[in-house]
Amino acid sequence: MYPIKIALFVSILALLAAPAAWAQSDASAAEAMAEAEAEAEADEVIAEEALVDEDDALEGLVTYEAAEVQLDQFLWLKRPIVIIANTPADPSFARQVAYIEEVAEQMIERDVVVILDTDPTAETDARQRLRPRGFMLAIVGKDGEIKWRRPSPRSGREIVQTIDKFPLRREEMLEQLPSGRN
């Protein structure tokens, strides 16, 4: 199971648990909320353990919640792909996550990390720099510049092809295959 699916699953579980808790009495609602939070935290710990292990990259892409990171911390190390939506239930958000999961191994080869942001009230570094209006997909280059942004989901293949056109990625490909052939 890819870490992106885990993060999405945890977000959806938290959303589903909240309305059910409001329908119960105050005491049982507090218990249900506490239990849901505890489960979500446990799932996050499991997800974080899976995400932190970059040595075993074939398990999946490294993903982060936008509130936990600054885009500059990836400068010259990784290519952040930022997926922003106003809610984790946004169909565009779910579709984009699925598209990226389809090409996870290719993303790993391109030093990609995925940053998910589904809280419009949070003043995350990604939201401040990208200033989204609803859903947004953005690729930030290793040099820290915003290379590509789109207001709708894009296929994994299109994202991979776009990254391969970046000058720094072309240099990396030449270093891996000096003759330019597979």
N, C-alpha and C. Protein backbone atom coordinates (compact mmCIF):
# COMPACT_ATOMS: atom_id res chain seq x y z
N MET A 1 0.85 -1.18 0.00
CA MET A 1 0.00 0.00 0.00
C MET A 1 0.89 1.23 0.00
N TYR A 2 0.62 2.14 -0.88
CA TYR A 2 1.43 3.35 -0.99
C TYR A 2 1.11 4.32 0.14
N PRO A 3 2.12 5.07 0.59
CA PRO A 3 1.90 6.04 1.66
C PRO A 3 0.85 7.09 1.33
N ILE A 4 0.71 7.45 0.06
CA ILE A 4 -0.29 8.44 -0.31
C ILE A 4 -1.68 7.91 0.02
N LYS A 5 -1.90 6.62 -0.27
CA LYS A 5 -3.19 6.02 0.04
C LYS A 5 -3.44 6.04 1.54
N ILE A 6 -2.39 5.80 2.33
CA ILE A 6 -2.54 5.80 3.78
C ILE A 6 -2.95 7.18 4.27
N ALA A 7 -2.27 8.21 3.77
CA ALA A 7 -2.59 9.58 4.19
C ALA A 7 -4.01 9.95 3.79
N LEU A 8 -4.41 9.59 2.59
CA LEU A 8 -5.76 9.87 2.13
C LEU A 8 -6.78 9.12 2.97
N PHE A 9 -6.49 7.86 3.27
CA PHE A 9 -7.38 7.03 4.07
C PHE A 9 -7.55 7.62 5.47
N VAL A 10 -6.44 8.06 6.07
CA VAL A 10 -6.49 8.66 7.42
C VAL A 10 -7.34 9.92 7.40
N SER A 11 -7.18 10.75 6.37
CA SER A 11 -7.96 11.98 6.27
C SER A 11 -9.44 11.69 6.13
N ILE A 12 -9.77 10.72 5.31
CA ILE A 12 -11.18 10.38 5.10
C ILE A 12 -11.78 9.79 6.37
N LEU A 13 -11.01 8.94 7.07
CA LEU A 13 -11.50 8.38 8.33
C LEU A 13 -11.80 9.48 9.34
N ALA A 14 -10.93 10.47 9.41
CA ALA A 14 -11.14 11.57 10.36
C ALA A 14 -12.41 12.34 10.01
N LEU A 15 -12.65 12.55 8.71
CA LEU A 15 -13.85 13.25 8.29
C LEU A 15 -15.11 12.45 8.59
N LEU A 16 -15.03 11.15 8.38
CA LEU A 16 -16.20 10.30 8.62
C LEU A 16 -16.50 10.17 10.11
N ALA A 17 -15.48 10.17 10.94
CA ALA A 17 -15.68 10.01 12.37
C ALA A 17 -16.29 11.25 13.01
N ALA A 18 -15.96 12.43 12.50
CA ALA A 18 -16.43 13.67 13.11
C ALA A 18 -17.96 13.82 13.07
N PRO A 19 -18.66 13.66 11.93
CA PRO A 19 -20.11 13.83 11.94
C PRO A 19 -20.82 12.80 12.80
N ALA A 20 -20.32 11.57 12.83
CA ALA A 20 -20.95 10.54 13.64
C ALA A 20 -20.85 10.90 15.13
N ALA A 21 -19.77 11.52 15.51
CA ALA A 21 -19.59 11.88 16.91
C ALA A 21 -20.57 12.97 17.33
N TRP A 22 -20.88 13.91 16.44
CA TRP A 22 -21.79 14.99 16.79
C TRP A 22 -23.22 14.48 17.01
N ALA A 23 -23.57 13.40 16.37
CA ALA A 23 -24.92 12.86 16.50
C ALA A 23 -25.12 12.16 17.85
N GLN A 24 -24.07 11.80 18.55
CA GLN A 24 -24.17 11.11 19.82
C GLN A 24 -24.26 12.12 20.96
N SER A 25 -24.51 11.63 22.15
CA SER A 25 -24.55 12.53 23.30
C SER A 25 -23.18 13.14 23.53
N ASP A 26 -23.11 14.21 24.34
CA ASP A 26 -21.85 14.91 24.56
C ASP A 26 -20.76 14.01 25.10
N ALA A 27 -21.10 13.17 26.08
CA ALA A 27 -20.09 12.30 26.69
C ALA A 27 -19.59 11.26 25.69
N SER A 28 -20.51 10.61 25.01
CA SER A 28 -20.08 9.59 24.07
C SER A 28 -19.45 10.23 22.83
N ALA A 29 -19.85 11.45 22.51
CA ALA A 29 -19.24 12.16 21.39
C ALA A 29 -17.78 12.45 21.69
N ALA A 30 -17.50 12.88 22.91
CA ALA A 30 -16.11 13.15 23.29
C ALA A 30 -15.29 11.87 23.25
N GLU A 31 -15.87 10.77 23.73
CA GLU A 31 -15.17 9.49 23.69
C GLU A 31 -14.90 9.07 22.25
N ALA A 32 -15.92 9.21 21.40
CA ALA A 32 -15.77 8.81 20.00
C ALA A 32 -14.71 9.66 19.31
N MET A 33 -14.72 10.97 19.59
CA MET A 33 -13.73 11.86 18.98
C MET A 33 -12.32 11.50 19.46
N ALA A 34 -12.18 11.25 20.76
CA ALA A 34 -10.88 10.88 21.31
C ALA A 34 -10.39 9.58 20.69
N GLU A 35 -11.30 8.62 20.54
CA GLU A 35 -10.94 7.34 19.95
C GLU A 35 -10.54 7.51 18.49
N ALA A 36 -11.30 8.32 17.76
CA ALA A 36 -10.99 8.57 16.35
C ALA A 36 -9.64 9.27 16.21
N GLU A 37 -9.38 10.23 17.10
CA GLU A 37 -8.10 10.93 17.07
C GLU A 37 -6.95 9.98 17.38
N ALA A 38 -7.16 9.11 18.38
CA ALA A 38 -6.12 8.14 18.74
C ALA A 38 -5.83 7.21 17.57
N GLU A 39 -6.90 6.73 16.90
CA GLU A 39 -6.70 5.86 15.74
C GLU A 39 -5.99 6.59 14.62
N ALA A 40 -6.39 7.84 14.40
CA ALA A 40 -5.75 8.63 13.34
C ALA A 40 -4.28 8.86 13.65
N GLU A 41 -3.96 9.15 14.92
CA GLU A 41 -2.57 9.34 15.31
C GLU A 41 -1.77 8.06 15.13
N ALA A 42 -2.37 6.92 15.51
CA ALA A 42 -1.69 5.64 15.34
C ALA A 42 -1.45 5.36 13.86
N ASP A 43 -2.45 5.66 13.03
CA ASP A 43 -2.28 5.47 11.59
C ASP A 43 -1.23 6.41 11.04
N GLU A 44 -1.17 7.64 11.55
CA GLU A 44 -0.16 8.60 11.11
C GLU A 44 1.23 8.12 11.46
N VAL A 45 1.39 7.56 12.67
CA VAL A 45 2.70 7.05 13.10
C VAL A 45 3.13 5.93 12.16
N ILE A 46 2.20 5.03 11.86
CA ILE A 46 2.51 3.94 10.94
C ILE A 46 2.87 4.50 9.58
N ALA A 47 2.08 5.47 9.11
CA ALA A 47 2.34 6.08 7.81
C ALA A 47 3.69 6.79 7.81
N GLU A 48 4.00 7.52 8.89
CA GLU A 48 5.27 8.23 8.97
C GLU A 48 6.44 7.27 8.96
N GLU A 49 6.31 6.13 9.67
CA GLU A 49 7.38 5.14 9.67
C GLU A 49 7.62 4.63 8.27
N ALA A 50 6.54 4.44 7.51
CA ALA A 50 6.67 3.98 6.14
C ALA A 50 7.28 5.07 5.26
N LEU A 51 6.97 6.33 5.55
CA LEU A 51 7.44 7.43 4.72
C LEU A 51 8.89 7.79 4.99
N VAL A 52 9.31 7.68 6.23
CA VAL A 52 10.64 8.14 6.61
C VAL A 52 11.72 7.25 6.01
N ASP A 53 11.43 5.99 5.77
CA ASP A 53 12.41 5.05 5.28
C ASP A 53 12.63 5.24 3.78
N GLU A 54 13.50 6.19 3.43
CA GLU A 54 13.75 6.47 2.03
C GLU A 54 14.66 5.43 1.40
N ASP A 55 15.39 4.63 2.21
CA ASP A 55 16.26 3.62 1.66
C ASP A 55 15.47 2.54 0.93
N ASP A 56 14.27 2.25 1.41
CA ASP A 56 13.42 1.25 0.79
C ASP A 56 12.39 1.95 -0.07
N ALA A 57 12.86 2.69 -1.08
CA ALA A 57 11.99 3.56 -1.86
C ALA A 57 10.96 2.82 -2.70
N LEU A 58 11.17 1.57 -2.98
CA LEU A 58 10.21 0.85 -3.82
C LEU A 58 8.87 0.66 -3.13
N GLU A 59 8.82 0.83 -1.80
CA GLU A 59 7.54 0.72 -1.10
C GLU A 59 6.60 1.84 -1.51
N GLY A 60 7.12 2.98 -1.85
CA GLY A 60 6.25 4.07 -2.27
C GLY A 60 6.94 5.41 -2.18
N LEU A 61 6.22 6.40 -2.63
CA LEU A 61 6.72 7.77 -2.61
C LEU A 61 6.75 8.31 -1.19
N VAL A 62 7.65 9.20 -0.96
CA VAL A 62 7.68 9.90 0.31
C VAL A 62 6.67 11.03 0.24
N THR A 63 5.75 11.06 1.20
CA THR A 63 4.73 12.10 1.22
C THR A 63 4.77 12.84 2.54
N TYR A 64 4.35 14.08 2.49
CA TYR A 64 4.32 14.93 3.67
C TYR A 64 3.02 15.72 3.70
N GLU A 65 2.57 16.04 4.88
CA GLU A 65 1.49 17.00 5.03
C GLU A 65 2.14 18.38 4.92
N ALA A 66 1.49 19.30 4.26
CA ALA A 66 2.07 20.62 4.00
C ALA A 66 2.41 21.38 5.28
N ALA A 67 1.64 21.16 6.34
CA ALA A 67 1.89 21.87 7.59
C ALA A 67 3.20 21.44 8.24
N GLU A 68 3.73 20.28 7.86
CA GLU A 68 4.93 19.74 8.49
C GLU A 68 6.22 20.16 7.81
N VAL A 69 6.13 20.75 6.62
CA VAL A 69 7.34 21.02 5.85
C VAL A 69 7.37 22.43 5.28
N GLN A 70 8.57 22.85 4.95
CA GLN A 70 8.82 24.09 4.20
C GLN A 70 9.38 23.67 2.85
N LEU A 71 8.96 24.31 1.79
CA LEU A 71 9.44 23.92 0.47
C LEU A 71 10.95 24.06 0.34
N ASP A 72 11.53 25.04 1.03
CA ASP A 72 12.97 25.27 0.93
C ASP A 72 13.81 24.14 1.52
N GLN A 73 13.22 23.30 2.36
CA GLN A 73 14.01 22.22 2.95
C GLN A 73 14.37 21.15 1.90
N PHE A 74 13.74 21.19 0.74
CA PHE A 74 14.03 20.23 -0.32
C PHE A 74 14.99 20.80 -1.37
N LEU A 75 15.43 22.05 -1.16
CA LEU A 75 16.28 22.75 -2.12
C LEU A 75 17.49 21.90 -2.49
N TRP A 76 17.65 21.64 -3.78
CA TRP A 76 18.73 20.87 -4.39
C TRP A 76 18.74 19.40 -4.00
N LEU A 77 17.73 18.94 -3.28
CA LEU A 77 17.66 17.54 -2.88
C LEU A 77 16.54 16.77 -3.58
N LYS A 78 15.36 17.36 -3.60
CA LYS A 78 14.17 16.68 -4.13
C LYS A 78 13.35 17.62 -4.99
N ARG A 79 12.42 17.04 -5.75
CA ARG A 79 11.45 17.81 -6.54
C ARG A 79 10.09 17.65 -5.87
N PRO A 80 9.64 18.64 -5.15
CA PRO A 80 8.30 18.53 -4.53
C PRO A 80 7.18 18.65 -5.57
N ILE A 81 6.24 17.75 -5.48
CA ILE A 81 4.98 17.88 -6.21
C ILE A 81 3.96 18.22 -5.14
N VAL A 82 3.32 19.37 -5.28
CA VAL A 82 2.38 19.86 -4.28
C VAL A 82 0.97 19.69 -4.82
N ILE A 83 0.14 18.99 -4.03
CA ILE A 83 -1.26 18.81 -4.40
C ILE A 83 -2.08 19.53 -3.34
N ILE A 84 -2.81 20.55 -3.77
CA ILE A 84 -3.59 21.38 -2.85
C ILE A 84 -5.07 21.28 -3.21
N ALA A 85 -5.89 21.11 -2.18
CA ALA A 85 -7.34 21.11 -2.35
C ALA A 85 -7.96 21.70 -1.09
N ASN A 86 -9.21 22.09 -1.17
CA ASN A 86 -9.88 22.65 0.00
C ASN A 86 -10.40 21.60 0.96
N THR A 87 -10.44 20.35 0.53
CA THR A 87 -10.88 19.24 1.37
C THR A 87 -10.32 17.94 0.82
N PRO A 88 -10.05 16.96 1.68
CA PRO A 88 -9.56 15.68 1.16
C PRO A 88 -10.63 14.93 0.36
N ALA A 89 -11.88 15.35 0.48
CA ALA A 89 -12.96 14.71 -0.26
C ALA A 89 -13.10 15.26 -1.68
N ASP A 90 -12.31 16.24 -2.06
CA ASP A 90 -12.35 16.82 -3.41
C ASP A 90 -12.03 15.73 -4.43
N PRO A 91 -12.93 15.49 -5.38
CA PRO A 91 -12.68 14.43 -6.38
C PRO A 91 -11.40 14.67 -7.19
N SER A 92 -11.07 15.91 -7.45
CA SER A 92 -9.84 16.22 -8.18
C SER A 92 -8.62 15.81 -7.38
N PHE A 93 -8.67 16.03 -6.07
CA PHE A 93 -7.57 15.65 -5.19
C PHE A 93 -7.37 14.13 -5.22
N ALA A 94 -8.46 13.39 -5.04
CA ALA A 94 -8.39 11.92 -5.03
C ALA A 94 -7.88 11.40 -6.39
N ARG A 95 -8.36 11.99 -7.48
CA ARG A 95 -7.95 11.56 -8.81
C ARG A 95 -6.46 11.81 -9.02
N GLN A 96 -5.98 12.99 -8.57
CA GLN A 96 -4.57 13.31 -8.75
C GLN A 96 -3.68 12.37 -7.94
N VAL A 97 -4.08 12.08 -6.73
CA VAL A 97 -3.31 11.14 -5.91
C VAL A 97 -3.24 9.78 -6.60
N ALA A 98 -4.34 9.33 -7.16
CA ALA A 98 -4.37 8.04 -7.86
C ALA A 98 -3.45 8.07 -9.09
N TYR A 99 -3.47 9.17 -9.83
CA TYR A 99 -2.60 9.28 -11.01
C TYR A 99 -1.13 9.19 -10.62
N ILE A 100 -0.77 9.83 -9.53
CA ILE A 100 0.63 9.80 -9.10
C ILE A 100 1.01 8.42 -8.60
N GLU A 101 0.11 7.75 -7.92
CA GLU A 101 0.38 6.39 -7.45
C GLU A 101 0.67 5.44 -8.61
N GLU A 102 0.02 5.66 -9.75
CA GLU A 102 0.22 4.79 -10.91
C GLU A 102 1.66 4.83 -11.42
N VAL A 103 2.34 5.94 -11.22
CA VAL A 103 3.71 6.09 -11.71
C VAL A 103 4.69 6.32 -10.56
N ALA A 104 4.40 5.73 -9.41
CA ALA A 104 5.21 5.97 -8.22
C ALA A 104 6.68 5.63 -8.42
N GLU A 105 6.97 4.52 -9.06
CA GLU A 105 8.37 4.13 -9.25
C GLU A 105 9.10 5.14 -10.13
N GLN A 106 8.43 5.64 -11.15
CA GLN A 106 9.05 6.64 -12.02
C GLN A 106 9.27 7.95 -11.26
N MET A 107 8.36 8.29 -10.37
CA MET A 107 8.51 9.50 -9.56
C MET A 107 9.71 9.35 -8.62
N ILE A 108 9.87 8.18 -8.04
CA ILE A 108 11.00 7.93 -7.14
C ILE A 108 12.31 8.11 -7.90
N GLU A 109 12.39 7.61 -9.14
CA GLU A 109 13.59 7.76 -9.96
C GLU A 109 13.92 9.23 -10.21
N ARG A 110 12.92 10.09 -10.17
CA ARG A 110 13.09 11.51 -10.46
C ARG A 110 13.22 12.35 -9.19
N ASP A 111 13.48 11.71 -8.07
CA ASP A 111 13.67 12.39 -6.77
C ASP A 111 12.46 13.23 -6.38
N VAL A 112 11.27 12.69 -6.56
CA VAL A 112 10.04 13.42 -6.24
C VAL A 112 9.59 13.10 -4.83
N VAL A 113 9.12 14.12 -4.12
CA VAL A 113 8.37 13.96 -2.87
C VAL A 113 7.02 14.62 -3.11
N VAL A 114 6.00 14.08 -2.46
CA VAL A 114 4.65 14.60 -2.64
C VAL A 114 4.24 15.33 -1.37
N ILE A 115 3.73 16.53 -1.53
CA ILE A 115 3.25 17.34 -0.41
C ILE A 115 1.75 17.51 -0.59
N LEU A 116 1.00 17.08 0.42
CA LEU A 116 -0.46 17.14 0.38
C LEU A 116 -0.96 18.26 1.28
N ASP A 117 -1.86 19.09 0.78
CA ASP A 117 -2.42 20.19 1.56
C ASP A 117 -3.92 20.26 1.32
N THR A 118 -4.70 19.88 2.34
CA THR A 118 -6.15 19.89 2.20
C THR A 118 -6.83 20.76 3.25
N ASP A 119 -6.07 21.67 3.85
CA ASP A 119 -6.63 22.55 4.87
C ASP A 119 -6.49 24.00 4.42
N PRO A 120 -7.59 24.58 3.88
CA PRO A 120 -7.49 25.96 3.38
C PRO A 120 -7.28 27.00 4.47
N THR A 121 -7.55 26.66 5.72
CA THR A 121 -7.35 27.63 6.80
C THR A 121 -5.90 27.67 7.28
N ALA A 122 -5.14 26.65 6.96
CA ALA A 122 -3.73 26.61 7.38
C ALA A 122 -2.91 27.57 6.53
N GLU A 123 -2.02 28.25 7.17
CA GLU A 123 -1.14 29.18 6.46
C GLU A 123 0.18 28.49 6.17
N THR A 124 0.11 27.41 5.39
CA THR A 124 1.31 26.64 5.09
C THR A 124 2.20 27.39 4.10
N ASP A 125 3.46 27.00 4.10
CA ASP A 125 4.42 27.58 3.17
C ASP A 125 3.96 27.37 1.73
N ALA A 126 3.44 26.18 1.43
CA ALA A 126 2.98 25.88 0.08
C ALA A 126 1.84 26.81 -0.34
N ARG A 127 0.87 27.01 0.54
CA ARG A 127 -0.27 27.89 0.20
C ARG A 127 0.18 29.34 0.05
N GLN A 128 1.11 29.77 0.87
CA GLN A 128 1.58 31.15 0.77
C GLN A 128 2.35 31.39 -0.53
N ARG A 129 3.14 30.40 -0.94
CA ARG A 129 3.94 30.57 -2.16
C ARG A 129 3.13 30.34 -3.43
N LEU A 130 2.18 29.41 -3.39
CA LEU A 130 1.44 29.04 -4.60
C LEU A 130 0.12 29.79 -4.77
N ARG A 131 -0.45 30.28 -3.69
CA ARG A 131 -1.72 31.02 -3.70
C ARG A 131 -2.79 30.32 -4.54
N PRO A 132 -3.20 29.12 -4.12
CA PRO A 132 -4.18 28.37 -4.92
C PRO A 132 -5.60 28.91 -4.77
N ARG A 133 -6.41 28.61 -5.74
CA ARG A 133 -7.85 28.88 -5.69
C ARG A 133 -8.53 27.54 -5.90
N GLY A 134 -8.82 26.85 -4.83
CA GLY A 134 -9.38 25.51 -4.93
C GLY A 134 -8.27 24.51 -5.20
N PHE A 135 -8.51 23.57 -6.11
CA PHE A 135 -7.52 22.54 -6.42
C PHE A 135 -6.36 23.12 -7.21
N MET A 136 -5.15 22.61 -6.89
CA MET A 136 -3.96 23.00 -7.65
C MET A 136 -2.93 21.88 -7.56
N LEU A 137 -2.28 21.66 -8.69
CA LEU A 137 -1.14 20.76 -8.78
C LEU A 137 0.05 21.61 -9.18
N ALA A 138 1.16 21.47 -8.46
CA ALA A 138 2.36 22.25 -8.80
C ALA A 138 3.60 21.39 -8.65
N ILE A 139 4.56 21.62 -9.53
CA ILE A 139 5.86 20.97 -9.42
C ILE A 139 6.88 22.06 -9.12
N VAL A 140 7.63 21.86 -8.06
CA VAL A 140 8.69 22.77 -7.68
C VAL A 140 10.01 22.09 -8.03
N GLY A 141 10.87 22.78 -8.73
CA GLY A 141 12.14 22.20 -9.14
C GLY A 141 13.11 22.08 -7.97
N LYS A 142 14.18 21.36 -8.20
CA LYS A 142 15.22 21.22 -7.18
C LYS A 142 15.84 22.57 -6.84
N ASP A 143 15.73 23.53 -7.76
CA ASP A 143 16.28 24.87 -7.52
C ASP A 143 15.33 25.74 -6.70
N GLY A 144 14.17 25.19 -6.32
CA GLY A 144 13.22 25.91 -5.48
C GLY A 144 12.22 26.76 -6.24
N GLU A 145 12.32 26.81 -7.56
CA GLU A 145 11.40 27.61 -8.36
C GLU A 145 10.18 26.79 -8.75
N ILE A 146 9.04 27.46 -8.85
CA ILE A 146 7.81 26.80 -9.28
C ILE A 146 7.93 26.61 -10.79
N LYS A 147 8.01 25.36 -11.20
CA LYS A 147 8.25 25.04 -12.61
C LYS A 147 6.96 24.86 -13.40
N TRP A 148 5.90 24.39 -12.71
CA TRP A 148 4.71 23.99 -13.45
C TRP A 148 3.54 24.00 -12.49
N ARG A 149 2.42 24.57 -12.87
CA ARG A 149 1.22 24.54 -12.03
C ARG A 149 0.00 24.38 -12.91
N ARG A 150 -0.96 23.61 -12.41
CA ARG A 150 -2.18 23.34 -13.16
C ARG A 150 -3.38 23.37 -12.23
N PRO A 151 -4.53 23.85 -12.71
CA PRO A 151 -5.73 23.94 -11.87
C PRO A 151 -6.61 22.69 -11.92
N SER A 152 -6.13 21.65 -12.61
CA SER A 152 -6.90 20.41 -12.70
C SER A 152 -5.94 19.22 -12.68
N PRO A 153 -6.45 18.04 -12.35
CA PRO A 153 -5.57 16.86 -12.28
C PRO A 153 -4.92 16.55 -13.62
N ARG A 154 -3.71 16.05 -13.55
CA ARG A 154 -2.96 15.65 -14.74
C ARG A 154 -2.50 14.21 -14.58
N SER A 155 -2.38 13.52 -15.68
CA SER A 155 -1.97 12.11 -15.63
C SER A 155 -0.53 12.00 -15.14
N GLY A 156 -0.23 10.86 -14.56
CA GLY A 156 1.13 10.62 -14.10
C GLY A 156 2.12 10.68 -15.25
N ARG A 157 1.71 10.17 -16.40
CA ARG A 157 2.57 10.18 -17.57
C ARG A 157 2.92 11.61 -17.97
N GLU A 158 1.94 12.51 -17.95
CA GLU A 158 2.19 13.90 -18.31
C GLU A 158 3.15 14.56 -17.32
N ILE A 159 2.98 14.24 -16.04
CA ILE A 159 3.87 14.81 -15.01
C ILE A 159 5.30 14.32 -15.22
N VAL A 160 5.47 13.02 -15.46
CA VAL A 160 6.80 12.44 -15.67
C VAL A 160 7.45 13.08 -16.90
N GLN A 161 6.70 13.21 -17.99
CA GLN A 161 7.25 13.82 -19.20
C GLN A 161 7.64 15.28 -18.97
N THR A 162 6.84 15.99 -18.18
CA THR A 162 7.15 17.39 -17.86
C THR A 162 8.45 17.48 -17.07
N ILE A 163 8.59 16.63 -16.05
CA ILE A 163 9.82 16.63 -15.24
C ILE A 163 11.03 16.32 -16.12
N ASP A 164 10.87 15.37 -17.04
CA ASP A 164 11.99 14.98 -17.90
C ASP A 164 12.44 16.11 -18.84
N LYS A 165 11.62 17.13 -19.01
CA LYS A 165 11.99 18.28 -19.85
C LYS A 165 12.77 19.35 -19.07
N PHE A 166 12.81 19.26 -17.75
CA PHE A 166 13.52 20.25 -16.95
C PHE A 166 15.03 20.13 -17.25
N PRO A 167 15.73 21.25 -17.38
CA PRO A 167 17.17 21.20 -17.67
C PRO A 167 17.97 20.39 -16.65
N LEU A 168 17.69 20.55 -15.38
CA LEU A 168 18.43 19.80 -14.37
C LEU A 168 18.18 18.31 -14.49
N ARG A 169 16.95 17.91 -14.80
CA ARG A 169 16.64 16.49 -14.98
C ARG A 169 17.37 15.95 -16.21
N ARG A 170 17.48 16.75 -17.26
CA ARG A 170 18.21 16.30 -18.46
C ARG A 170 19.68 16.05 -18.12
N GLU A 171 20.26 16.92 -17.29
CA GLU A 171 21.64 16.72 -16.85
C GLU A 171 21.77 15.43 -16.05
N GLU A 172 20.80 15.18 -15.17
CA GLU A 172 20.82 13.95 -14.37
C GLU A 172 20.75 12.72 -15.27
N MET A 173 19.90 12.77 -16.29
CA MET A 173 19.76 11.64 -17.20
C MET A 173 21.08 11.41 -17.97
N LEU A 174 21.76 12.48 -18.36
CA LEU A 174 23.04 12.34 -19.06
C LEU A 174 24.11 11.74 -18.15
N GLU A 175 24.08 12.11 -16.87
CA GLU A 175 25.04 11.53 -15.93
C GLU A 175 24.78 10.05 -15.73
N GLN A 176 23.50 9.64 -15.73
CA GLN A 176 23.16 8.23 -15.53
C GLN A 176 23.50 7.41 -16.77
N LEU A 177 23.22 7.97 -17.94
CA LEU A 177 23.47 7.28 -19.21
C LEU A 177 24.28 8.22 -20.12
N PRO A 178 25.61 8.26 -19.94
CA PRO A 178 26.42 9.22 -20.69
C PRO A 178 26.25 9.13 -22.21
N SER A 179 25.98 7.93 -22.72
CA SER A 179 25.84 7.80 -24.17
C SER A 179 24.46 8.28 -24.64
N GLY A 180 23.55 8.52 -23.68
CA GLY A 180 22.22 9.01 -24.04
C GLY A 180 21.30 7.90 -24.50
N ARG A 181 21.71 6.66 -24.29
CA ARG A 181 20.91 5.52 -24.72
C ARG A 181 20.57 4.63 -23.53
N ASN A 182 19.48 3.92 -23.66
CA ASN A 182 19.07 2.97 -22.61
C ASN A 182 19.82 1.69 -22.71
